[in-house]
Amino acid sequence: MTGASVGTGPESGARSLVVGVGARRGAPGDVVFALIEAVLSGAGLDAADVLEVATVDAKGDEPGIVGAAARLGVPVRTHPAGALAAVRVPHPSGAVGAAVGTPSVAEAAALIEADELVVPKTRAPGGNASAGGMATCAVARRLPADAGTFEVSGRKTSTSPVTAGSRPFTMAAMNPPTRNIESAGPDLRHHGDAEVRGENLTDLAVNVRTHTPPEWLRERIAASLTSLAAYPDGSSARAAVAGRHGLPVERVLLTAGAAEAFVLIARALPARRPVVVHPQFTEPEAALRAAGHGVGRVLLRAEDGFRLDPQTVPEEADLVVIGNPTNPTSVLHPAALLERLARPGRTLVVDEAFMDVVPGEREALCDRTDIPGLVVLRSLTKTWGLAGLRIGYALAAPETVALLSEAQPLWPVSTPALAAAEACMEPRALVEAAEAADRITVDRAHLLAGLAEFSEVEVVEAARGPFVLVRLERAAEVRERLRLLGFAARRGDTFPGLGPQWLRLAVRDRATTNRFLQALDQAVQALPARSGR
């Protein structure tokens, strides 16, 4: 599938093509890929020049689109329906507009962050009566940055002279800036605490360690309350964090939990092409979207064990976010693999909120100063049970810390949170955390052994976090029956790249796990048989 470049695009080798795809539910991956291949070939375009496959948020998890993008070796980039609706397209469809909120998903998704439409909307052969008619495709091109640009709401738009007919459909003067608003895709703001709030349930939905904070930590926090009249001074806690990781204090930023760090990154660091590796904690993408960024997604696949192939992250990405170990998959990526994502001009954000649960913290990057653009985030919420106190920190180059700090309000971390941070960096705390990591390893093995007895349950292997990800048919029904039996499990369908057949289960002590396994057996056995089966 090769051919000469056409129009005003860059020379071969510079990825500049955006393939917009619209597809009905259940569109086969072979059909979607064949359509893209035919459109590119028919226009004399090279598949090697494709930057991404773009679609509407609600279709971002569609297997046919994800599979076609994987075969092309590019990420799926999704856009809110409201943003696509604001894009003027040359071939609008009233029926499509009524169904999904934009008159052409394929053309709008291709054009929203590109400059010209190279191939208009094309439907797969077969019409609406067959699987072949279940997908549409359009191709747009981004022009070289040196063509003359100006900033419009974070987007660069070509200002070079245009002669009549030289471009099939140019967006520079046709569309107003669009806001990156939320849409009907996965609920990025849904978190595990919503599964248990106000309910008397055994909590397997939230990954905070049980029976925390310990008594000595509560005492340290309580002692800090006598200083509430003074404004918080984070210097001691900051020095303690720096000492714990063997870093200069200038590389440490204390934050009101890791969640604040994601907001600061989205608002303060330059990013024209941010990419989030999914499935993972959704707050980074939510923060980027709230700050007005379009967000690309690299969706790791269940058949690959949700393991990262660095080549799936586009070269053009200037901010990449990934968790390690990753929530919710519990996969621990090798540090050497993550290093391959770093390069000058790119910010690499590694969320290590659960790294202290990994014995020896192997694969950690928190103490590295030789990786360009690296930002490592840590949280004290999970191991020490401080979700209500909000305390975490970022580790990065001093100039990056300075940028993030400038975006913070005055006194962002409270005096009690600072006292907790300093206490959790002390040697006895590190010993206790290491012992907790060893216990979690044993408890997780017990949970995995119990789940292996269920033929209906498929577990993501090599789990290394304080949780495991499982897939089973009719998971939503099982989750509701578990609630009736007194257990809360985390639904998986709010994580991009997963779906309603996934559940995340927190690791608990052996007695709690045994009771849960009994409840799971009851929940699975009680499911009524579906008709026709």
Protein backbone atom coordinates (compact mmCIF):
# COMPACT_ATOMS: atom_id res chain seq x y z
CA MET A 1 0.00 0.00 0.00
CA THR A 2 2.47 2.61 -1.20
CA GLY A 3 2.32 5.54 -3.55
CA ALA A 4 3.54 9.08 -4.17
CA SER A 5 2.44 11.92 -1.93
CA VAL A 6 -0.23 14.16 -3.42
CA GLY A 7 -1.31 17.77 -2.88
CA THR A 8 0.80 19.94 -0.58
CA GLY A 9 1.80 17.37 2.00
CA PRO A 10 5.26 16.79 3.40
CA GLU A 11 7.77 14.50 1.82
CA SER A 12 7.50 10.77 2.38
CA GLY A 13 8.56 9.68 5.86
CA ALA A 14 6.96 12.62 7.70
CA ARG A 15 3.71 11.38 9.17
CA SER A 16 1.01 13.91 8.34
CA LEU A 17 -2.17 11.99 7.47
CA VAL A 18 -5.13 11.68 9.82
CA VAL A 19 -7.62 8.94 8.95
CA GLY A 20 -11.10 9.73 10.25
CA VAL A 21 -13.34 6.71 10.73
CA GLY A 22 -17.01 6.36 11.52
CA ALA A 23 -18.36 2.88 12.22
CA ARG A 24 -21.48 1.21 13.48
CA ARG A 25 -21.32 -1.02 16.51
CA GLY A 26 -19.88 -4.40 15.60
CA ALA A 27 -18.17 -3.29 12.40
CA PRO A 28 -15.53 -5.99 11.77
CA GLY A 29 -11.90 -4.94 12.02
CA ASP A 30 -11.12 -6.54 8.67
CA VAL A 31 -13.78 -4.42 6.98
CA VAL A 32 -12.59 -1.18 8.60
CA PHE A 33 -8.96 -1.90 7.76
CA ALA A 34 -9.80 -2.91 4.18
CA LEU A 35 -11.71 0.36 3.74
CA ILE A 36 -8.78 2.43 5.02
CA GLU A 37 -6.34 0.49 2.87
CA ALA A 38 -8.49 0.96 -0.23
CA VAL A 39 -8.96 4.70 0.39
CA LEU A 40 -5.25 5.31 0.89
CA SER A 41 -4.25 3.20 -2.07
CA GLY A 42 -6.86 4.78 -4.31
CA ALA A 43 -5.56 8.25 -3.50
CA GLY A 44 -1.91 7.27 -3.98
CA LEU A 45 -1.16 7.77 -0.30
CA ASP A 46 1.34 5.81 1.76
CA ALA A 47 0.16 4.06 4.92
CA ALA A 48 3.54 4.92 6.45
CA ASP A 49 2.46 8.57 6.42
CA VAL A 50 -0.58 7.91 8.63
CA LEU A 51 -0.25 9.66 11.99
CA GLU A 52 -3.39 8.38 13.69
CA VAL A 53 -6.90 7.03 13.29
CA ALA A 54 -9.45 9.53 14.63
CA THR A 55 -13.06 9.05 15.65
CA VAL A 56 -15.71 10.22 18.10
CA ASP A 57 -15.29 9.46 21.82
CA ALA A 58 -18.22 7.06 21.87
CA LYS A 59 -16.51 4.89 19.23
CA GLY A 60 -13.04 4.97 20.76
CA ASP A 61 -13.35 1.46 22.16
CA GLU A 62 -14.99 -0.06 19.07
CA PRO A 63 -12.96 -3.23 18.34
CA GLY A 64 -13.12 -2.72 14.57
CA ILE A 65 -11.58 0.76 14.78
CA VAL A 66 -9.05 -0.25 17.44
CA GLY A 67 -8.05 -3.31 15.44
CA ALA A 68 -7.62 -1.37 12.21
CA ALA A 69 -5.43 1.22 13.98
CA ALA A 70 -3.34 -1.56 15.50
CA ARG A 71 -2.74 -3.06 12.07
CA LEU A 72 -1.62 0.35 10.84
CA GLY A 73 0.62 0.70 13.89
CA VAL A 74 -0.90 4.03 14.97
CA PRO A 75 -2.97 5.16 17.96
CA VAL A 76 -6.69 5.85 18.06
CA ARG A 77 -7.39 9.52 18.82
CA THR A 78 -10.89 10.39 20.01
CA HIS A 79 -12.77 13.67 20.10
CA PRO A 80 -15.94 14.75 21.92
CA ALA A 81 -19.10 14.68 19.81
CA GLY A 82 -19.73 18.33 20.67
CA ALA A 83 -16.33 19.34 19.31
CA LEU A 84 -16.83 17.36 16.09
CA ALA A 85 -20.26 18.91 15.62
CA ALA A 86 -18.60 22.33 15.42
CA VAL A 87 -16.39 21.23 12.51
CA ARG A 88 -17.69 22.23 9.11
CA VAL A 89 -17.62 19.24 6.76
CA PRO A 90 -18.16 19.18 2.99
CA HIS A 91 -20.47 16.15 2.99
CA PRO A 92 -22.82 16.36 5.97
CA SER A 93 -25.47 13.73 6.66
CA GLY A 94 -28.61 14.60 8.58
CA ALA A 95 -29.11 10.98 9.61
CA VAL A 96 -25.60 10.71 11.03
CA GLY A 97 -26.00 14.03 12.77
CA ALA A 98 -29.18 12.88 14.46
CA ALA A 99 -27.60 9.58 15.51
CA VAL A 100 -24.25 10.68 16.91
CA GLY A 101 -24.41 14.48 17.11
CA THR A 102 -22.09 15.33 14.20
CA PRO A 103 -23.03 15.28 10.49
CA SER A 104 -19.96 13.23 9.51
CA VAL A 105 -17.80 11.47 12.06
CA ALA A 106 -15.19 10.47 9.49
CA GLU A 107 -14.70 13.93 7.95
CA ALA A 108 -14.98 15.88 11.20
CA ALA A 109 -12.58 13.58 13.07
CA ALA A 110 -10.08 13.79 10.21
CA LEU A 111 -10.31 17.58 9.96
CA ILE A 112 -10.62 18.77 13.55
CA GLU A 113 -6.87 19.06 14.05
CA ALA A 114 -5.73 18.95 10.42
CA ASP A 115 -5.54 21.52 7.62
CA GLU A 116 -7.03 19.98 4.49
CA LEU A 117 -9.25 17.12 3.45
CA VAL A 118 -7.39 14.90 1.01
CA VAL A 119 -10.01 12.16 0.58
CA PRO A 120 -13.69 12.91 1.36
CA LYS A 121 -16.00 10.57 3.19
CA THR A 122 -15.99 7.14 1.57
CA ARG A 123 -18.27 4.28 2.53
CA ALA A 124 -17.22 0.66 2.54
CA PRO A 125 -18.83 -1.26 -0.33
CA GLY A 126 -22.11 -2.97 0.37
CA GLY A 127 -24.38 -0.17 1.56
CA ASN A 128 -26.30 -0.30 4.78
CA ALA A 129 -27.49 -3.83 4.23
CA SER A 130 -24.19 -5.51 4.92
CA ALA A 131 -21.22 -5.36 7.22
CA GLY A 132 -19.32 -3.68 4.42
CA GLY A 133 -21.56 -0.63 4.69
CA MET A 134 -20.98 -0.24 8.41
CA ALA A 135 -17.95 2.05 8.15
CA THR A 136 -16.92 5.35 6.57
CA CYS A 137 -13.46 6.79 6.14
CA ALA A 138 -11.96 10.18 5.29
CA VAL A 139 -8.35 11.35 5.14
CA ALA A 140 -6.96 14.77 6.05
CA ARG A 141 -3.46 16.18 6.13
CA ARG A 142 -1.60 18.40 8.54
CA LEU A 143 0.58 20.93 6.77
CA PRO A 144 4.23 21.46 7.77
CA ALA A 145 4.71 23.81 10.68
CA ASP A 146 7.02 26.04 8.63
CA ALA A 147 4.18 26.91 6.21
CA GLY A 148 3.45 29.95 8.39
CA THR A 149 1.33 29.54 11.48
CA PHE A 150 -0.52 31.41 14.15
CA GLU A 151 -2.04 30.20 17.40
CA VAL A 152 -5.81 29.78 17.66
CA SER A 153 -6.91 28.38 21.03
CA GLY A 154 -3.88 26.11 21.19
CA ARG A 155 -4.17 25.00 17.55
CA LYS A 156 -1.81 25.96 14.77
CA THR A 157 -3.55 26.95 11.54
CA SER A 158 -1.95 27.52 8.17
CA THR A 159 -1.70 31.12 6.93
CA SER A 160 0.21 30.47 3.73
CA PRO A 161 -1.39 31.71 0.52
CA VAL A 162 -3.88 29.33 -1.05
CA THR A 163 -4.70 29.29 -4.72
CA ALA A 164 -8.16 28.25 -5.83
CA GLY A 165 -8.43 24.51 -6.16
CA SER A 166 -4.98 23.79 -4.69
CA ARG A 167 -6.54 22.12 -1.63
CA PRO A 168 -9.71 20.05 -1.62
CA PHE A 169 -11.10 21.49 1.63
CA THR A 170 -9.12 23.75 3.96
CA MET A 171 -10.11 24.23 7.58
CA ALA A 172 -8.04 27.30 8.48
CA ALA A 173 -10.72 29.89 7.80
CA MET A 174 -13.75 27.61 7.88
CA ASN A 175 -14.08 26.58 11.51
CA PRO A 176 -14.10 28.55 14.73
CA PRO A 177 -11.91 27.27 17.58
CA THR A 178 -13.59 24.40 19.40
CA ARG A 179 -13.54 23.62 23.09
CA ASN A 180 -12.56 20.13 24.13
CA ILE A 181 -15.75 19.30 26.00
CA GLU A 182 -16.80 16.01 27.55
CA SER A 183 -19.01 13.68 25.54
CA ALA A 184 -20.75 10.33 25.69
CA GLY A 185 -17.54 8.30 25.84
CA PRO A 186 -16.27 6.49 28.95
CA ASP A 187 -16.94 8.41 32.16
CA LEU A 188 -13.40 9.58 32.93
CA ARG A 189 -14.50 11.09 36.24
CA HIS A 190 -15.85 7.84 37.66
CA HIS A 191 -13.62 6.44 40.41
CA GLY A 192 -13.80 3.48 42.75
CA ASP A 193 -15.00 5.48 45.74
CA ALA A 194 -18.34 5.93 43.96
CA GLU A 195 -18.87 2.17 44.25
CA VAL A 196 -18.88 2.23 48.06
CA ARG A 197 -19.88 5.75 49.08
CA GLY A 198 -22.75 5.60 51.56
CA GLU A 199 -22.96 1.80 51.35
CA ASN A 200 -22.17 -0.83 53.98
CA LEU A 201 -20.11 -3.03 51.67
CA THR A 202 -16.80 -4.83 51.90
CA ASP A 203 -14.64 -2.64 49.69
CA LEU A 204 -12.83 -4.29 46.80
CA ALA A 205 -13.36 -1.24 44.58
CA VAL A 206 -10.83 1.18 46.12
CA ASN A 207 -7.10 0.40 46.19
CA VAL A 208 -6.29 2.05 49.53
CA ARG A 209 -4.64 -0.38 51.98
CA THR A 210 -6.98 -1.42 54.77
CA HIS A 211 -6.41 -0.67 58.47
CA THR A 212 -4.58 2.56 57.67
CA PRO A 213 -3.29 5.04 58.61
CA PRO A 214 -1.35 3.33 61.41
CA GLU A 215 -1.53 4.69 64.94
CA TRP A 216 1.91 6.33 64.87
CA LEU A 217 1.00 8.23 61.70
CA ARG A 218 -2.31 9.38 63.11
CA GLU A 219 -0.45 10.71 66.13
CA ARG A 220 1.98 12.67 63.95
CA ILE A 221 -0.89 14.17 61.99
CA ALA A 222 -2.78 15.04 65.17
CA ALA A 223 0.29 16.74 66.64
CA SER A 224 0.45 19.06 63.63
CA LEU A 225 -2.98 20.51 64.47
CA THR A 226 -1.41 22.79 67.08
CA SER A 227 0.27 24.67 64.19
CA LEU A 228 -2.82 25.39 62.13
CA ALA A 229 -2.70 29.12 62.89
CA ALA A 230 0.49 29.43 60.84
CA TYR A 231 0.64 29.18 57.06
CA PRO A 232 1.98 25.81 55.87
CA ASP A 233 5.74 25.53 55.36
CA GLY A 234 6.65 22.63 53.10
CA SER A 235 10.43 22.96 53.28
CA SER A 236 11.00 20.13 55.79
CA ALA A 237 8.64 17.72 54.01
CA ARG A 238 10.17 18.59 50.66
CA ALA A 239 13.66 17.92 51.99
CA ALA A 240 12.48 14.62 53.47
CA VAL A 241 11.09 13.48 50.10
CA ALA A 242 14.30 14.52 48.36
CA GLY A 243 16.37 12.61 50.91
CA ARG A 244 14.22 9.49 50.59
CA HIS A 245 14.90 9.37 46.83
CA GLY A 246 18.47 10.70 46.90
CA LEU A 247 17.58 13.78 44.84
CA PRO A 248 18.27 17.51 45.09
CA VAL A 249 15.37 19.32 46.73
CA GLU A 250 14.93 21.39 43.56
CA ARG A 251 13.62 18.24 41.83
CA VAL A 252 10.72 17.80 44.28
CA LEU A 253 7.25 19.36 44.17
CA LEU A 254 4.71 18.55 46.88
CA THR A 255 1.11 18.36 45.67
CA ALA A 256 -2.38 17.88 47.05
CA GLY A 257 -2.38 14.27 45.92
CA ALA A 258 -1.27 12.95 42.54
CA ALA A 259 -4.54 14.28 41.08
CA GLU A 260 -3.34 17.87 41.54
CA ALA A 261 -0.12 16.99 39.74
CA PHE A 262 -2.09 15.87 36.67
CA VAL A 263 -3.93 19.19 36.64
CA LEU A 264 -0.68 21.14 36.95
CA ILE A 265 0.90 19.16 34.11
CA ALA A 266 -2.11 19.79 31.89
CA ARG A 267 -2.11 23.52 32.60
CA ALA A 268 1.56 24.39 32.94
CA LEU A 269 3.58 22.20 30.58
CA PRO A 270 3.61 22.79 26.83
CA ALA A 271 1.85 20.02 24.92
CA ARG A 272 0.54 20.14 21.38
CA ARG A 273 0.24 16.38 20.93
CA PRO A 274 -0.48 14.77 24.34
CA VAL A 275 -1.01 11.00 24.39
CA VAL A 276 -2.26 8.83 27.25
CA VAL A 277 -1.51 5.11 27.27
CA HIS A 278 -4.70 3.24 28.19
CA PRO A 279 -6.20 1.39 29.97
CA GLN A 280 -4.98 3.40 32.93
CA PHE A 281 -6.10 5.85 35.62
CA THR A 282 -8.42 8.25 33.82
CA GLU A 283 -7.65 11.46 35.71
CA PRO A 284 -4.64 12.43 33.51
CA GLU A 285 -6.80 12.46 30.38
CA ALA A 286 -9.66 14.21 32.19
CA ALA A 287 -7.26 16.93 33.35
CA LEU A 288 -5.81 17.39 29.87
CA ARG A 289 -9.26 17.66 28.34
CA ALA A 290 -10.39 20.13 31.00
CA ALA A 291 -7.36 22.27 30.13
CA GLY A 292 -8.47 22.37 26.48
CA HIS A 293 -6.15 19.75 25.00
CA GLY A 294 -7.10 17.20 22.39
CA VAL A 295 -5.90 13.87 23.75
CA GLY A 296 -4.59 10.91 21.78
CA ARG A 297 -5.01 7.42 23.14
CA VAL A 298 -2.72 4.44 22.74
CA LEU A 299 -4.87 1.45 23.66
CA LEU A 300 -2.96 -1.58 24.89
CA ARG A 301 -4.61 -4.88 24.02
CA ALA A 302 -5.85 -7.68 26.24
CA GLU A 303 -4.44 -10.29 23.87
CA ASP A 304 -0.98 -8.79 24.48
CA GLY A 305 -1.48 -8.86 28.24
CA PHE A 306 -1.82 -5.05 28.19
CA ARG A 307 1.95 -4.81 27.76
CA LEU A 308 3.49 -1.78 26.15
CA ASP A 309 5.13 -1.74 22.75
CA PRO A 310 6.95 1.64 22.64
CA GLN A 311 6.54 1.76 18.88
CA THR A 312 2.78 2.22 19.27
CA VAL A 313 3.38 5.67 20.79
CA PRO A 314 3.56 8.16 17.90
CA GLU A 315 6.82 9.99 17.34
CA GLU A 316 4.92 13.28 17.25
CA ALA A 317 3.63 12.94 20.82
CA ASP A 318 5.23 15.64 22.94
CA LEU A 319 3.62 14.54 26.23
CA VAL A 320 3.10 10.87 27.09
CA VAL A 321 1.39 9.59 30.24
CA ILE A 322 1.63 6.01 31.49
CA GLY A 323 1.16 4.29 34.85
CA ASN A 324 3.61 1.82 36.37
CA PRO A 325 2.37 -0.48 37.74
CA THR A 326 -0.69 0.44 35.76
CA ASN A 327 -4.14 0.93 37.21
CA PRO A 328 -6.33 -1.04 36.45
CA THR A 329 -4.36 -3.75 34.62
CA SER A 330 -1.79 -4.29 37.44
CA VAL A 331 0.92 -4.65 34.76
CA LEU A 332 4.44 -3.60 35.75
CA HIS A 333 6.31 -2.29 32.72
CA PRO A 334 10.11 -2.74 32.63
CA ALA A 335 11.95 0.50 33.33
CA ALA A 336 14.11 -0.06 30.26
CA LEU A 337 10.97 -0.17 28.13
CA LEU A 338 9.67 3.11 29.52
CA GLU A 339 13.04 4.75 28.96
CA ARG A 340 12.55 4.17 25.26
CA LEU A 341 9.59 6.56 25.34
CA ALA A 342 11.78 9.48 26.47
CA ARG A 343 13.38 11.91 24.06
CA PRO A 344 14.34 15.61 23.95
CA GLY A 345 11.30 17.80 23.45
CA ARG A 346 8.91 15.28 25.00
CA THR A 347 7.54 15.15 28.55
CA LEU A 348 7.24 11.58 29.82
CA VAL A 349 4.90 11.33 32.81
CA VAL A 350 5.13 8.05 34.74
CA ASP A 351 2.50 7.60 37.43
CA GLU A 352 4.15 5.49 40.15
CA ALA A 353 1.31 5.80 42.66
CA PHE A 354 1.45 2.04 43.30
CA MET A 355 5.20 1.48 42.96
CA ASP A 356 5.74 1.25 46.72
CA VAL A 357 3.54 -1.89 46.68
CA VAL A 358 6.11 -3.60 44.43
CA PRO A 359 8.74 -5.36 46.61
CA GLY A 360 12.03 -3.57 46.17
CA GLU A 361 10.32 -1.02 43.91
CA ARG A 362 11.98 -2.67 40.95
CA GLU A 363 11.36 -0.89 37.65
CA ALA A 364 11.00 2.46 39.47
CA LEU A 365 12.25 5.59 37.70
CA CYS A 366 11.75 7.98 40.61
CA ASP A 367 15.46 8.42 41.38
CA ARG A 368 16.59 8.85 37.77
CA THR A 369 17.97 12.21 36.64
CA ASP A 370 19.41 11.10 33.29
CA ILE A 371 16.13 10.62 31.39
CA PRO A 372 15.12 13.71 29.40
CA GLY A 373 11.68 15.14 30.11
CA LEU A 374 10.88 12.62 32.85
CA VAL A 375 8.21 13.48 35.43
CA VAL A 376 7.49 10.81 38.06
CA LEU A 377 4.41 11.09 40.26
CA ARG A 378 4.05 9.45 43.66
CA SER A 379 1.12 9.28 46.08
CA LEU A 380 0.95 8.56 49.81
CA THR A 381 -2.76 7.81 49.55
CA LYS A 382 -2.66 4.11 48.78
CA THR A 383 -0.13 2.61 51.18
CA TRP A 384 -0.84 4.91 54.09
CA GLY A 385 -4.61 5.39 53.81
CA LEU A 386 -4.48 9.17 53.34
CA ALA A 387 -7.02 9.69 50.57
CA GLY A 388 -8.84 12.27 52.69
CA LEU A 389 -5.66 14.23 53.44
CA ARG A 390 -4.51 14.68 49.81
CA ILE A 391 -0.75 14.37 49.68
CA GLY A 392 1.58 13.34 46.86
CA TYR A 393 4.58 14.67 45.00
CA ALA A 394 6.19 15.07 41.60
CA LEU A 395 9.86 14.40 40.80
CA ALA A 396 11.28 16.16 37.74
CA ALA A 397 14.03 18.43 36.44
CA PRO A 398 14.26 21.72 38.37
CA GLU A 399 12.99 23.76 35.43
CA THR A 400 9.94 21.51 35.14
CA VAL A 401 9.29 21.71 38.87
CA ALA A 402 9.47 25.50 38.59
CA LEU A 403 6.84 25.56 35.84
CA LEU A 404 4.51 23.30 37.81
CA SER A 405 5.05 25.30 40.98
CA GLU A 406 4.11 28.55 39.25
CA ALA A 407 0.74 27.02 38.37
CA GLN A 408 0.02 26.08 42.00
CA PRO A 409 -1.93 28.33 44.34
CA LEU A 410 -0.23 29.60 47.45
CA TRP A 411 0.13 27.00 50.22
CA PRO A 412 -1.34 24.13 48.16
CA VAL A 413 -0.55 21.42 50.74
CA SER A 414 -1.99 21.64 54.26
CA THR A 415 0.08 21.47 57.45
CA PRO A 416 -1.32 18.03 58.44
CA ALA A 417 -0.54 16.69 54.95
CA LEU A 418 3.01 18.03 55.17
CA ALA A 419 3.45 16.35 58.56
CA ALA A 420 2.26 13.08 57.05
CA ALA A 421 4.63 13.38 54.10
CA GLU A 422 7.63 13.98 56.34
CA ALA A 423 6.67 11.07 58.62
CA CYS A 424 6.22 8.66 55.70
CA MET A 425 9.76 9.33 54.49
CA GLU A 426 11.35 8.20 57.76
CA PRO A 427 13.28 4.90 57.91
CA ARG A 428 10.71 3.10 60.09
CA ALA A 429 7.97 4.09 57.64
CA LEU A 430 9.95 2.74 54.70
CA VAL A 431 10.45 -0.54 56.55
CA GLU A 432 6.72 -0.77 57.28
CA ALA A 433 5.88 -0.01 53.65
CA ALA A 434 8.24 -2.74 52.47
CA GLU A 435 6.65 -5.24 54.86
CA ALA A 436 3.20 -4.23 53.60
CA ALA A 437 4.35 -4.80 50.01
CA ASP A 438 5.46 -8.32 50.93
CA ARG A 439 2.11 -9.07 52.61
CA ILE A 440 0.20 -7.76 49.60
CA THR A 441 2.25 -10.01 47.34
CA VAL A 442 1.22 -13.04 49.40
CA ASP A 443 -2.43 -11.93 49.63
CA ARG A 444 -2.55 -11.28 45.89
CA ALA A 445 -1.26 -14.78 45.17
CA HIS A 446 -4.06 -16.18 47.35
CA LEU A 447 -6.67 -14.17 45.44
CA LEU A 448 -5.26 -15.26 42.08
CA ALA A 449 -5.25 -18.91 43.14
CA GLY A 450 -8.89 -18.65 44.15
CA LEU A 451 -9.90 -16.93 40.91
CA ALA A 452 -8.14 -19.66 38.92
CA GLU A 453 -10.81 -22.08 40.17
CA PHE A 454 -13.47 -20.23 38.14
CA SER A 455 -13.68 -21.31 34.53
CA GLU A 456 -15.82 -18.22 33.87
CA VAL A 457 -13.12 -15.80 35.01
CA GLU A 458 -10.09 -14.72 32.97
CA VAL A 459 -7.40 -12.89 34.95
CA VAL A 460 -4.82 -10.51 33.50
CA GLU A 461 -1.63 -12.35 34.35
CA ALA A 462 1.55 -11.10 36.02
CA ALA A 463 -0.35 -8.73 38.31
CA ARG A 464 2.03 -6.61 40.37
CA GLY A 465 -0.25 -4.00 41.95
CA PRO A 466 -2.59 -4.21 44.95
CA PHE A 467 -5.42 -5.16 42.59
CA VAL A 468 -6.17 -7.56 39.75
CA LEU A 469 -8.15 -7.11 36.55
CA VAL A 470 -10.56 -9.84 35.51
CA ARG A 471 -12.82 -10.46 32.55
CA LEU A 472 -16.01 -12.45 32.63
CA GLU A 473 -19.21 -12.51 30.64
CA ARG A 474 -22.08 -10.51 32.12
CA ALA A 475 -19.72 -8.81 34.54
CA ALA A 476 -22.22 -6.02 35.22
CA GLU A 477 -24.77 -8.56 36.44
CA VAL A 478 -22.15 -10.30 38.55
CA ARG A 479 -21.12 -6.97 40.07
CA GLU A 480 -24.71 -6.17 41.03
CA ARG A 481 -25.16 -9.60 42.61
CA LEU A 482 -21.92 -9.13 44.53
CA ARG A 483 -23.33 -5.90 45.93
CA LEU A 484 -26.38 -7.77 47.16
CA LEU A 485 -23.99 -10.19 48.85
CA GLY A 486 -22.08 -7.34 50.51
CA PHE A 487 -19.07 -6.77 48.20
CA ALA A 488 -18.17 -3.79 46.00
CA ALA A 489 -16.05 -4.41 42.88
CA ARG A 490 -14.79 -1.71 40.52
CA ARG A 491 -16.52 -1.63 37.14
CA GLY A 492 -14.16 -1.62 34.17
CA ASP A 493 -16.18 0.06 31.45
CA THR A 494 -15.12 3.59 32.47
CA PHE A 495 -11.50 2.83 31.53
CA PRO A 496 -10.79 3.51 27.83
CA GLY A 497 -9.78 0.27 26.18
CA LEU A 498 -11.88 -1.92 28.44
CA GLY A 499 -15.59 -2.64 28.41
CA PRO A 500 -18.50 -3.90 30.50
CA GLN A 501 -17.02 -7.40 30.77
CA TRP A 502 -14.17 -6.21 33.01
CA LEU A 503 -13.92 -5.81 36.80
CA ARG A 504 -11.07 -4.63 39.00
CA LEU A 505 -10.64 -6.30 42.39
CA ALA A 506 -8.56 -4.88 45.23
CA VAL A 507 -6.28 -7.29 47.08
CA ARG A 508 -7.40 -7.90 50.65
CA ASP A 509 -6.36 -10.20 53.50
CA ARG A 510 -6.88 -13.96 53.20
CA ALA A 511 -10.07 -14.07 55.31
CA THR A 512 -11.74 -11.29 53.31
CA THR A 513 -10.68 -12.90 50.05
CA ASN A 514 -12.16 -16.25 51.09
CA ARG A 515 -15.48 -14.60 51.85
CA PHE A 516 -15.37 -12.78 48.53
CA LEU A 517 -14.63 -15.96 46.58
CA GLN A 518 -17.65 -17.62 48.16
CA ALA A 519 -19.79 -14.64 47.20
CA LEU A 520 -18.40 -14.68 43.65
CA ASP A 521 -19.30 -18.36 43.34
CA GLN A 522 -22.87 -17.57 44.42
CA ALA A 523 -23.08 -14.60 42.05
CA VAL A 524 -21.87 -16.58 39.04
CA GLN A 525 -24.03 -19.61 39.77
CA ALA A 526 -27.14 -17.49 40.29
CA LEU A 527 -27.03 -15.94 36.82
CA PRO A 528 -30.05 -17.09 34.83
CA ALA A 529 -29.28 -18.83 31.56
CA ARG A 530 -29.78 -16.66 28.51
CA SER A 531 -32.42 -17.69 26.04
CA GLY A 532 -31.16 -19.55 23.02
CA ARG A 533 -28.12 -20.89 24.81
